Full PDB file with SEQRES, HELIX, SHEET, SSBOND, CRYST1, ORIGX, SCALE, CONECT and MASTER records, all heavy atoms in Angstrom:
SEQRES   1 A   37  ARG MET SER THR LEU ASP ALA LYS ALA ILE ARG GLN PHE          
SEQRES   2 A   37  PRO VAL LEU ILE MET ASP ASP LEU VAL ASP SER GLY LEU          
SEQRES   3 A   37  THR LEU GLN THR LEU ARG LYS GLU ILE LEU ASN                  
HELIX    1 AA1 ALA A    7  GLN A   12  1                                   6    
HELIX    2 AA2 LEU A   26  LEU A   36  1                                  11    
CRYST1    1.000    1.000    1.000  90.00  90.00  90.00 P 1           1          
ORIGX1      1.000000  0.000000  0.000000        0.00000                         
ORIGX2      0.000000  1.000000  0.000000        0.00000                         
ORIGX3      0.000000  0.000000  1.000000        0.00000                         
SCALE1      1.000000  0.000000  0.000000        0.00000                         
SCALE2      0.000000  1.000000  0.000000        0.00000                         
SCALE3      0.000000  0.000000  1.000000        0.00000                         
ATOM      1  N   ARG A   1      86.594 106.270  92.794  1.00  0.00           N  
ATOM      2  CA  ARG A   1      85.360 106.499  93.527  1.00  0.00           C  
ATOM      3  C   ARG A   1      85.230 107.997  93.786  1.00  0.00           C  
ATOM      4  O   ARG A   1      86.166 108.639  94.267  1.00  0.00           O  
ATOM      5  CB  ARG A   1      85.415 105.736  94.851  1.00  0.00           C  
ATOM      6  CG  ARG A   1      84.156 105.835  95.665  1.00  0.00           C  
ATOM      7  CD  ARG A   1      84.261 105.025  96.920  1.00  0.00           C  
ATOM      8  NE  ARG A   1      85.320 105.600  97.744  1.00  0.00           N  
ATOM      9  CZ  ARG A   1      85.972 104.958  98.689  1.00  0.00           C  
ATOM     10  NH1 ARG A   1      85.722 103.712  98.937  1.00  0.00           N  
ATOM     11  NH2 ARG A   1      86.902 105.546  99.396  1.00  0.00           N  
ATOM     12  N   MET A   2      84.079 108.549  93.439  1.00  0.00           N  
ATOM     13  CA  MET A   2      83.842 109.966  93.692  1.00  0.00           C  
ATOM     14  C   MET A   2      83.750 110.181  95.196  1.00  0.00           C  
ATOM     15  O   MET A   2      83.063 109.444  95.877  1.00  0.00           O  
ATOM     16  CB  MET A   2      82.537 110.411  93.046  1.00  0.00           C  
ATOM     17  CG  MET A   2      82.584 110.486  91.554  1.00  0.00           C  
ATOM     18  SD  MET A   2      81.094 111.227  90.912  1.00  0.00           S  
ATOM     19  CE  MET A   2      80.370 109.836  90.085  1.00  0.00           C  
ATOM     20  N   SER A   3      84.436 111.188  95.676  1.00  0.00           N  
ATOM     21  CA  SER A   3      84.315 111.549  97.085  1.00  0.00           C  
ATOM     22  C   SER A   3      83.440 112.787  97.203  1.00  0.00           C  
ATOM     23  O   SER A   3      82.389 112.753  97.801  1.00  0.00           O  
ATOM     24  CB  SER A   3      85.695 111.788  97.692  1.00  0.00           C  
ATOM     25  OG  SER A   3      86.412 110.584  97.735  1.00  0.00           O  
ATOM     26  N   THR A   4      83.865 113.885  96.613  1.00  0.00           N  
ATOM     27  CA  THR A   4      83.074 115.121  96.658  1.00  0.00           C  
ATOM     28  C   THR A   4      83.022 115.734  95.264  1.00  0.00           C  
ATOM     29  O   THR A   4      83.389 116.876  95.077  1.00  0.00           O  
ATOM     30  CB  THR A   4      83.693 116.138  97.647  1.00  0.00           C  
ATOM     31  OG1 THR A   4      85.025 116.431  97.208  1.00  0.00           O  
ATOM     32  CG2 THR A   4      83.700 115.625  99.063  1.00  0.00           C  
ATOM     33  N   LEU A   5      82.556 114.972  94.307  1.00  0.00           N  
ATOM     34  CA  LEU A   5      82.511 115.444  92.928  1.00  0.00           C  
ATOM     35  C   LEU A   5      81.102 115.950  92.620  1.00  0.00           C  
ATOM     36  O   LEU A   5      80.136 115.201  92.667  1.00  0.00           O  
ATOM     37  CB  LEU A   5      82.882 114.297  91.990  1.00  0.00           C  
ATOM     38  CG  LEU A   5      83.419 114.651  90.623  1.00  0.00           C  
ATOM     39  CD1 LEU A   5      84.716 115.431  90.724  1.00  0.00           C  
ATOM     40  CD2 LEU A   5      83.664 113.390  89.816  1.00  0.00           C  
ATOM     41  N   ASP A   6      80.986 117.236  92.327  1.00  0.00           N  
ATOM     42  CA  ASP A   6      79.713 117.871  91.994  1.00  0.00           C  
ATOM     43  C   ASP A   6      79.566 117.830  90.469  1.00  0.00           C  
ATOM     44  O   ASP A   6      80.150 118.641  89.753  1.00  0.00           O  
ATOM     45  CB  ASP A   6      79.723 119.308  92.521  1.00  0.00           C  
ATOM     46  CG  ASP A   6      78.478 120.098  92.155  1.00  0.00           C  
ATOM     47  OD1 ASP A   6      77.644 119.605  91.375  1.00  0.00           O  
ATOM     48  OD2 ASP A   6      78.356 121.233  92.650  1.00  0.00           O  
ATOM     49  N   ALA A   7      78.768 116.875  89.979  1.00  0.00           N  
ATOM     50  CA  ALA A   7      78.642 116.656  88.535  1.00  0.00           C  
ATOM     51  C   ALA A   7      78.095 117.887  87.807  1.00  0.00           C  
ATOM     52  O   ALA A   7      78.500 118.173  86.680  1.00  0.00           O  
ATOM     53  CB  ALA A   7      77.761 115.440  88.263  1.00  0.00           C  
ATOM     54  N   LYS A   8      77.204 118.643  88.453  1.00  0.00           N  
ATOM     55  CA  LYS A   8      76.637 119.840  87.820  1.00  0.00           C  
ATOM     56  C   LYS A   8      77.741 120.874  87.556  1.00  0.00           C  
ATOM     57  O   LYS A   8      77.832 121.436  86.469  1.00  0.00           O  
ATOM     58  CB  LYS A   8      75.545 120.434  88.702  1.00  0.00           C  
ATOM     59  CG  LYS A   8      74.856 121.619  88.085  1.00  0.00           C  
ATOM     60  CD  LYS A   8      73.749 122.151  88.987  1.00  0.00           C  
ATOM     61  CE  LYS A   8      73.140 123.400  88.378  1.00  0.00           C  
ATOM     62  NZ  LYS A   8      72.151 123.998  89.271  1.00  0.00           N  
ATOM     63  N   ALA A   9      78.579 121.117  88.556  1.00  0.00           N  
ATOM     64  CA  ALA A   9      79.691 122.070  88.393  1.00  0.00           C  
ATOM     65  C   ALA A   9      80.690 121.569  87.357  1.00  0.00           C  
ATOM     66  O   ALA A   9      81.221 122.355  86.563  1.00  0.00           O  
ATOM     67  CB  ALA A   9      80.391 122.304  89.731  1.00  0.00           C  
ATOM     68  N   ILE A  10      80.932 120.257  87.335  1.00  0.00           N  
ATOM     69  CA  ILE A  10      81.866 119.668  86.365  1.00  0.00           C  
ATOM     70  C   ILE A  10      81.387 119.954  84.941  1.00  0.00           C  
ATOM     71  O   ILE A  10      82.179 120.244  84.052  1.00  0.00           O  
ATOM     72  CB  ILE A  10      82.025 118.141  86.600  1.00  0.00           C  
ATOM     73  CG1 ILE A  10      82.695 117.860  87.942  1.00  0.00           C  
ATOM     74  CG2 ILE A  10      82.761 117.466  85.448  1.00  0.00           C  
ATOM     75  CD1 ILE A  10      84.119 118.309  88.081  1.00  0.00           C  
ATOM     76  N   ARG A  11      80.071 119.870  84.725  1.00  0.00           N  
ATOM     77  CA  ARG A  11      79.519 120.117  83.381  1.00  0.00           C  
ATOM     78  C   ARG A  11      79.557 121.592  82.981  1.00  0.00           C  
ATOM     79  O   ARG A  11      79.547 121.909  81.807  1.00  0.00           O  
ATOM     80  CB  ARG A  11      78.078 119.596  83.295  1.00  0.00           C  
ATOM     81  CG  ARG A  11      77.975 118.086  83.247  1.00  0.00           C  
ATOM     82  CD  ARG A  11      76.566 117.632  82.916  1.00  0.00           C  
ATOM     83  NE  ARG A  11      75.600 117.971  83.947  1.00  0.00           N  
ATOM     84  CZ  ARG A  11      75.332 117.210  85.012  1.00  0.00           C  
ATOM     85  NH1 ARG A  11      75.980 116.066  85.179  1.00  0.00           N  
ATOM     86  NH2 ARG A  11      74.437 117.589  85.893  1.00  0.00           N  
ATOM     87  N   GLN A  12      79.621 122.482  83.954  1.00  0.00           N  
ATOM     88  CA  GLN A  12      79.529 123.916  83.668  1.00  0.00           C  
ATOM     89  C   GLN A  12      80.864 124.624  83.458  1.00  0.00           C  
ATOM     90  O   GLN A  12      80.931 125.586  82.698  1.00  0.00           O  
ATOM     91  CB  GLN A  12      78.810 124.632  84.822  1.00  0.00           C  
ATOM     92  CG  GLN A  12      77.343 124.327  84.893  1.00  0.00           C  
ATOM     93  CD  GLN A  12      76.703 125.053  86.058  1.00  0.00           C  
ATOM     94  OE1 GLN A  12      77.243 125.089  87.149  1.00  0.00           O  
ATOM     95  NE2 GLN A  12      75.539 125.639  85.804  1.00  0.00           N  
ATOM     96  N   PHE A  13      81.923 124.172  84.149  1.00  0.00           N  
ATOM     97  CA  PHE A  13      83.161 124.940  84.174  1.00  0.00           C  
ATOM     98  C   PHE A  13      84.375 124.075  83.853  1.00  0.00           C  
ATOM     99  O   PHE A  13      84.352 122.865  84.062  1.00  0.00           O  
ATOM    100  CB  PHE A  13      83.364 125.576  85.560  1.00  0.00           C  
ATOM    101  CG  PHE A  13      82.168 126.328  86.048  1.00  0.00           C  
ATOM    102  CD1 PHE A  13      81.421 125.847  87.107  1.00  0.00           C  
ATOM    103  CD2 PHE A  13      81.775 127.511  85.440  1.00  0.00           C  
ATOM    104  CE1 PHE A  13      80.302 126.534  87.569  1.00  0.00           C  
ATOM    105  CE2 PHE A  13      80.662 128.213  85.892  1.00  0.00           C  
ATOM    106  CZ  PHE A  13      79.929 127.722  86.956  1.00  0.00           C  
ATOM    107  N   PRO A  14      85.474 124.676  83.367  1.00  0.00           N  
ATOM    108  CA  PRO A  14      86.698 123.915  83.092  1.00  0.00           C  
ATOM    109  C   PRO A  14      87.182 123.155  84.333  1.00  0.00           C  
ATOM    110  O   PRO A  14      86.974 123.608  85.462  1.00  0.00           O  
ATOM    111  CB  PRO A  14      87.709 124.991  82.691  1.00  0.00           C  
ATOM    112  CG  PRO A  14      86.887 126.150  82.243  1.00  0.00           C  
ATOM    113  CD  PRO A  14      85.638 126.108  83.064  1.00  0.00           C  
ATOM    114  N   VAL A  15      87.827 122.029  84.087  1.00  0.00           N  
ATOM    115  CA  VAL A  15      88.302 121.153  85.163  1.00  0.00           C  
ATOM    116  C   VAL A  15      89.820 121.047  85.110  1.00  0.00           C  
ATOM    117  O   VAL A  15      90.400 120.870  84.036  1.00  0.00           O  
ATOM    118  CB  VAL A  15      87.690 119.733  85.031  1.00  0.00           C  
ATOM    119  CG1 VAL A  15      88.272 118.782  86.066  1.00  0.00           C  
ATOM    120  CG2 VAL A  15      86.173 119.791  85.134  1.00  0.00           C  
ATOM    121  N   LEU A  16      90.429 121.125  86.280  1.00  0.00           N  
ATOM    122  CA  LEU A  16      91.860 120.885  86.426  1.00  0.00           C  
ATOM    123  C   LEU A  16      92.033 119.715  87.385  1.00  0.00           C  
ATOM    124  O   LEU A  16      91.678 119.818  88.563  1.00  0.00           O  
ATOM    125  CB  LEU A  16      92.568 122.131  86.961  1.00  0.00           C  
ATOM    126  CG  LEU A  16      94.084 122.029  87.106  1.00  0.00           C  
ATOM    127  CD1 LEU A  16      94.756 121.879  85.740  1.00  0.00           C  
ATOM    128  CD2 LEU A  16      94.628 123.253  87.833  1.00  0.00           C  
ATOM    129  N   ILE A  17      92.525 118.584  86.876  1.00  0.00           N  
ATOM    130  CA  ILE A  17      92.797 117.417  87.717  1.00  0.00           C  
ATOM    131  C   ILE A  17      94.149 117.626  88.383  1.00  0.00           C  
ATOM    132  O   ILE A  17      95.132 117.955  87.712  1.00  0.00           O  
ATOM    133  CB  ILE A  17      92.824 116.113  86.886  1.00  0.00           C  
ATOM    134  CG1 ILE A  17      91.485 115.874  86.193  1.00  0.00           C  
ATOM    135  CG2 ILE A  17      93.196 114.921  87.774  1.00  0.00           C  
ATOM    136  CD1 ILE A  17      91.524 114.750  85.165  1.00  0.00           C  
ATOM    137  N   MET A  18      94.224 117.407  89.696  1.00  0.00           N  
ATOM    138  CA  MET A  18      95.450 117.587  90.463  1.00  0.00           C  
ATOM    139  C   MET A  18      95.939 116.219  90.938  1.00  0.00           C  
ATOM    140  O   MET A  18      95.184 115.487  91.566  1.00  0.00           O  
ATOM    141  CB  MET A  18      95.174 118.441  91.705  1.00  0.00           C  
ATOM    142  CG  MET A  18      94.517 119.773  91.416  1.00  0.00           C  
ATOM    143  SD  MET A  18      95.656 120.945  90.777  1.00  0.00           S  
ATOM    144  CE  MET A  18      96.829 120.999  92.091  1.00  0.00           C  
ATOM    145  N   ASP A  19      97.201 115.911  90.651  1.00  0.00           N  
ATOM    146  CA  ASP A  19      97.765 114.654  91.155  1.00  0.00           C  
ATOM    147  C   ASP A  19      99.185 114.897  91.636  1.00  0.00           C  
ATOM    148  O   ASP A  19      99.840 115.845  91.196  1.00  0.00           O  
ATOM    149  CB  ASP A  19      97.732 113.571  90.074  1.00  0.00           C  
ATOM    150  CG  ASP A  19      97.670 112.161  90.651  1.00  0.00           C  
ATOM    151  OD1 ASP A  19      97.784 112.003  91.886  1.00  0.00           O  
ATOM    152  OD2 ASP A  19      97.521 111.208  89.869  1.00  0.00           O  
ATOM    153  N   ASP A  20      99.645 114.032  92.540  1.00  0.00           N  
ATOM    154  CA  ASP A  20     100.980 114.208  93.106  1.00  0.00           C  
ATOM    155  C   ASP A  20     102.076 113.836  92.119  1.00  0.00           C  
ATOM    156  O   ASP A  20     103.042 114.564  91.971  1.00  0.00           O  
ATOM    157  CB  ASP A  20     101.143 113.443  94.421  1.00  0.00           C  
ATOM    158  CG  ASP A  20     100.754 111.966  94.314  1.00  0.00           C  
ATOM    159  OD1 ASP A  20     100.232 111.540  93.265  1.00  0.00           O  
ATOM    160  OD2 ASP A  20     100.950 111.240  95.303  1.00  0.00           O  
ATOM    161  N   LEU A  21     101.910 112.705  91.433  1.00  0.00           N  
ATOM    162  CA  LEU A  21     102.931 112.320  90.474  1.00  0.00           C  
ATOM    163  C   LEU A  21     102.373 111.479  89.347  1.00  0.00           C  
ATOM    164  O   LEU A  21     101.316 110.882  89.472  1.00  0.00           O  
ATOM    165  CB  LEU A  21     104.072 111.567  91.154  1.00  0.00           C  
ATOM    166  CG  LEU A  21     103.890 110.072  91.384  1.00  0.00           C  
ATOM    167  CD1 LEU A  21     105.151 109.355  90.990  1.00  0.00           C  
ATOM    168  CD2 LEU A  21     103.588 109.782  92.837  1.00  0.00           C  
ATOM    169  N   VAL A  22     103.120 111.475  88.256  1.00  0.00           N  
ATOM    170  CA  VAL A  22     102.809 110.596  87.131  1.00  0.00           C  
ATOM    171  C   VAL A  22     103.910 109.557  87.083  1.00  0.00           C  
ATOM    172  O   VAL A  22     105.095 109.890  87.039  1.00  0.00           O  
ATOM    173  CB  VAL A  22     102.786 111.368  85.788  1.00  0.00           C  
ATOM    174  CG1 VAL A  22     102.671 110.413  84.626  1.00  0.00           C  
ATOM    175  CG2 VAL A  22     101.646 112.336  85.767  1.00  0.00           C  
ATOM    176  N   ASP A  23     103.499 108.314  87.124  1.00  0.00           N  
ATOM    177  CA  ASP A  23     104.446 107.219  86.989  1.00  0.00           C  
ATOM    178  C   ASP A  23     104.182 106.553  85.643  1.00  0.00           C  
ATOM    179  O   ASP A  23     104.883 106.785  84.673  1.00  0.00           O  
ATOM    180  CB  ASP A  23     104.276 106.240  88.151  1.00  0.00           C  
ATOM    181  CG  ASP A  23     105.449 105.294  88.290  1.00  0.00           C  
ATOM    182  OD1 ASP A  23     105.961 104.830  87.257  1.00  0.00           O  
ATOM    183  OD2 ASP A  23     105.857 105.008  89.420  1.00  0.00           O  
ATOM    184  N   SER A  24     103.102 105.794  85.551  1.00  0.00           N  
ATOM    185  CA  SER A  24     102.747 105.154  84.277  1.00  0.00           C  
ATOM    186  C   SER A  24     101.817 106.015  83.437  1.00  0.00           C  
ATOM    187  O   SER A  24     101.715 105.837  82.235  1.00  0.00           O  
ATOM    188  CB  SER A  24     102.073 103.806  84.550  1.00  0.00           C  
ATOM    189  OG  SER A  24     100.811 104.024  85.160  1.00  0.00           O  
ATOM    190  N   GLY A  25     101.085 106.935  84.068  1.00  0.00           N  
ATOM    191  CA  GLY A  25     100.122 107.775  83.361  1.00  0.00           C  
ATOM    192  C   GLY A  25      98.713 107.206  83.342  1.00  0.00           C  
ATOM    193  O   GLY A  25      97.786 107.854  82.867  1.00  0.00           O  
ATOM    194  N   LEU A  26      98.510 105.992  83.885  1.00  0.00           N  
ATOM    195  CA  LEU A  26      97.199 105.346  83.844  1.00  0.00           C  
ATOM    196  C   LEU A  26      96.138 106.103  84.647  1.00  0.00           C  
ATOM    197  O   LEU A  26      94.992 106.199  84.227  1.00  0.00           O  
ATOM    198  CB  LEU A  26      97.288 103.904  84.360  1.00  0.00           C  
ATOM    199  CG  LEU A  26      97.979 102.910  83.438  1.00  0.00           C  
ATOM    200  CD1 LEU A  26      98.149 101.570  84.131  1.00  0.00           C  
ATOM    201  CD2 LEU A  26      97.196 102.740  82.156  1.00  0.00           C  
ATOM    202  N   THR A  27      96.508 106.635  85.787  1.00  0.00           N  
ATOM    203  CA  THR A  27      95.538 107.358  86.612  1.00  0.00           C  
ATOM    204  C   THR A  27      94.994 108.569  85.869  1.00  0.00           C  
ATOM    205  O   THR A  27      93.775 108.759  85.779  1.00  0.00           O  
ATOM    206  CB  THR A  27      96.176 107.792  87.948  1.00  0.00           C  
ATOM    207  OG1 THR A  27      96.595 106.624  88.664  1.00  0.00           O  
ATOM    208  CG2 THR A  27      95.194 108.582  88.800  1.00  0.00           C  
ATOM    209  N   LEU A  28      95.880 109.385  85.314  1.00  0.00           N  
ATOM    210  CA  LEU A  28      95.428 110.585  84.601  1.00  0.00           C  
ATOM    211  C   LEU A  28      94.596 110.242  83.372  1.00  0.00           C  
ATOM    212  O   LEU A  28      93.596 110.902  83.090  1.00  0.00           O  
ATOM    213  CB  LEU A  28      96.614 111.452  84.194  1.00  0.00           C  
ATOM    214  CG  LEU A  28      97.291 112.226  85.315  1.00  0.00           C  
ATOM    215  CD1 LEU A  28      98.464 113.021  84.777  1.00  0.00           C  
ATOM    216  CD2 LEU A  28      96.316 113.129  86.035  1.00  0.00           C  
ATOM    217  N   GLN A  29      95.002 109.208  82.644  1.00  0.00           N  
ATOM    218  CA  GLN A  29      94.236 108.797  81.459  1.00  0.00           C  
ATOM    219  C   GLN A  29      92.822 108.390  81.857  1.00  0.00           C  
ATOM    220  O   GLN A  29      91.840 108.784  81.217  1.00  0.00           O  
ATOM    221  CB  GLN A  29      94.934 107.645  80.745  1.00  0.00           C  
ATOM    222  CG  GLN A  29      96.191 108.054  80.027  1.00  0.00           C  
ATOM    223  CD  GLN A  29      96.970 106.850  79.504  1.00  0.00           C  
ATOM    224  OE1 GLN A  29      96.555 105.708  79.645  1.00  0.00           O  
ATOM    225  NE2 GLN A  29      98.119 107.115  78.905  1.00  0.00           N  
ATOM    226  N   THR A  30      92.715 107.591  82.916  1.00  0.00           N  
ATOM    227  CA  THR A  30      91.417 107.113  83.386  1.00  0.00           C  
ATOM    228  C   THR A  30      90.536 108.267  83.842  1.00  0.00           C  
ATOM    229  O   THR A  30      89.373 108.368  83.449  1.00  0.00           O  
ATOM    230  CB  THR A  30      91.604 106.100  84.537  1.00  0.00           C  
ATOM    231  OG1 THR A  30      92.380 105.001  84.068  1.00  0.00           O  
ATOM    232  CG2 THR A  30      90.262 105.591  85.052  1.00  0.00           C  
ATOM    233  N   LEU A  31      91.090 109.148  84.670  1.00  0.00           N  
ATOM    234  CA  LEU A  31      90.303 110.254  85.199  1.00  0.00           C  
ATOM    235  C   LEU A  31      89.860 111.224  84.114  1.00  0.00           C  
ATOM    236  O   LEU A  31      88.720 111.696  84.119  1.00  0.00           O  
ATOM    237  CB  LEU A  31      91.082 111.005  86.270  1.00  0.00           C  
ATOM    238  CG  LEU A  31      91.192 110.293  87.606  1.00  0.00           C  
ATOM    239  CD1 LEU A  31      91.972 111.145  88.585  1.00  0.00           C  
ATOM    240  CD2 LEU A  31      89.822 109.966  88.166  1.00  0.00           C  
ATOM    241  N   ARG A  32      90.760 111.545  83.223  1.00  0.00           N  
ATOM    242  CA  ARG A  32      90.410 112.466  82.143  1.00  0.00           C  
ATOM    243  C   ARG A  32      89.214 111.934  81.340  1.00  0.00           C  
ATOM    244  O   ARG A  32      88.251 112.646  81.078  1.00  0.00           O  
ATOM    245  CB  ARG A  32      91.623 112.671  81.232  1.00  0.00           C  
ATOM    246  CG  ARG A  32      91.359 113.594  80.073  1.00  0.00           C  
ATOM    247  CD  ARG A  32      92.623 113.819  79.239  1.00  0.00           C  
ATOM    248  NE  ARG A  32      92.320 114.399  77.971  1.00  0.00           N  
ATOM    249  CZ  ARG A  32      91.961 115.655  77.784  1.00  0.00           C  
ATOM    250  NH1 ARG A  32      91.890 116.470  78.800  1.00  0.00           N  
ATOM    251  NH2 ARG A  32      91.690 116.108  76.575  1.00  0.00           N  
ATOM    252  N   LYS A  33      89.277 110.660  81.001  1.00  0.00           N  
ATOM    253  CA  LYS A  33      88.201 110.025  80.242  1.00  0.00           C  
ATOM    254  C   LYS A  33      86.888 110.066  81.025  1.00  0.00           C  
ATOM    255  O   LYS A  33      85.837 110.422  80.484  1.00  0.00           O  
ATOM    256  CB  LYS A  33      88.593 108.579  79.931  1.00  0.00           C  
ATOM    257  CG  LYS A  33      87.568 107.810  79.149  1.00  0.00           C  
ATOM    258  CD  LYS A  33      88.047 106.399  78.904  1.00  0.00           C  
ATOM    259  CE  LYS A  33      86.926 105.547  78.358  1.00  0.00           C  
ATOM    260  NZ  LYS A  33      87.234 104.129  78.393  1.00  0.00           N  
ATOM    261  N   GLU A  34      86.940 109.725  82.314  1.00  0.00           N  
ATOM    262  CA  GLU A  34      85.728 109.687  83.133  1.00  0.00           C  
ATOM    263  C   GLU A  34      85.119 111.078  83.313  1.00  0.00           C  
ATOM    264  O   GLU A  34      83.907 111.246  83.263  1.00  0.00           O  
ATOM    265  CB  GLU A  34      86.016 109.061  84.505  1.00  0.00           C  
ATOM    266  CG  GLU A  34      86.394 107.600  84.450  1.00  0.00           C  
ATOM    267  CD  GLU A  34      85.271 106.695  83.981  1.00  0.00           C  
ATOM    268  OE1 GLU A  34      84.089 107.078  84.087  1.00  0.00           O  
ATOM    269  OE2 GLU A  34      85.568 105.587  83.491  1.00  0.00           O  
ATOM    270  N   ILE A  35      85.953 112.091  83.511  1.00  0.00           N  
ATOM    271  CA  ILE A  35      85.447 113.452  83.720  1.00  0.00           C  
ATOM    272  C   ILE A  35      84.891 114.024  82.417  1.00  0.00           C  
ATOM    273  O   ILE A  35      83.875 114.713  82.426  1.00  0.00           O  
ATOM    274  CB  ILE A  35      86.531 114.331  84.372  1.00  0.00           C  
ATOM    275  CG1 ILE A  35      86.730 113.857  85.821  1.00  0.00           C  
ATOM    276  CG2 ILE A  35      86.145 115.796  84.333  1.00  0.00           C  
ATOM    277  CD1 ILE A  35      87.873 114.482  86.552  1.00  0.00           C  
ATOM    278  N   LEU A  36      85.525 113.712  81.305  1.00  0.00           N  
ATOM    279  CA  LEU A  36      84.951 114.117  80.013  1.00  0.00           C  
ATOM    280  C   LEU A  36      83.600 113.444  79.785  1.00  0.00           C  
ATOM    281  O   LEU A  36      82.669 114.053  79.271  1.00  0.00           O  
ATOM    282  CB  LEU A  36      85.914 113.811  78.866  1.00  0.00           C  
ATOM    283  CG  LEU A  36      87.092 114.779  78.726  1.00  0.00           C  
ATOM    284  CD1 LEU A  36      88.121 114.237  77.743  1.00  0.00           C  
ATOM    285  CD2 LEU A  36      86.621 116.170  78.302  1.00  0.00           C  
ATOM    286  N   ASN A  37      83.487 112.179  80.211  1.00  0.00           N  
ATOM    287  CA  ASN A  37      82.208 111.452  80.086  1.00  0.00           C  
ATOM    288  C   ASN A  37      81.106 112.090  80.926  1.00  0.00           C  
ATOM    289  O   ASN A  37      79.926 111.949  80.615  1.00  0.00           O  
ATOM    290  CB  ASN A  37      82.365 109.978  80.476  1.00  0.00           C  
ATOM    291  CG  ASN A  37      83.083 109.178  79.406  1.00  0.00           C  
ATOM    292  OD1 ASN A  37      83.180 109.592  78.257  1.00  0.00           O  
ATOM    293  ND2 ASN A  37      83.610 108.024  79.790  1.00  0.00           N  
TER     294      ASN A  37                                                      
MASTER        0    0    0    2    0    0    0    6  293    1    0    3          
END                                                                             
C-alpha cells in the first residue's frame, strides 16, 4: 500500500528501494516490479 509515494517524482528520477532485510526476496521482487510499472 502506498503511504507517501509521489508517482510524478518516481517517473522523473532514479529510485532506491530501502528495506531492513532480505529473507526470501519476495518483497523486493514485488516492489521493484510495481515501481517499474
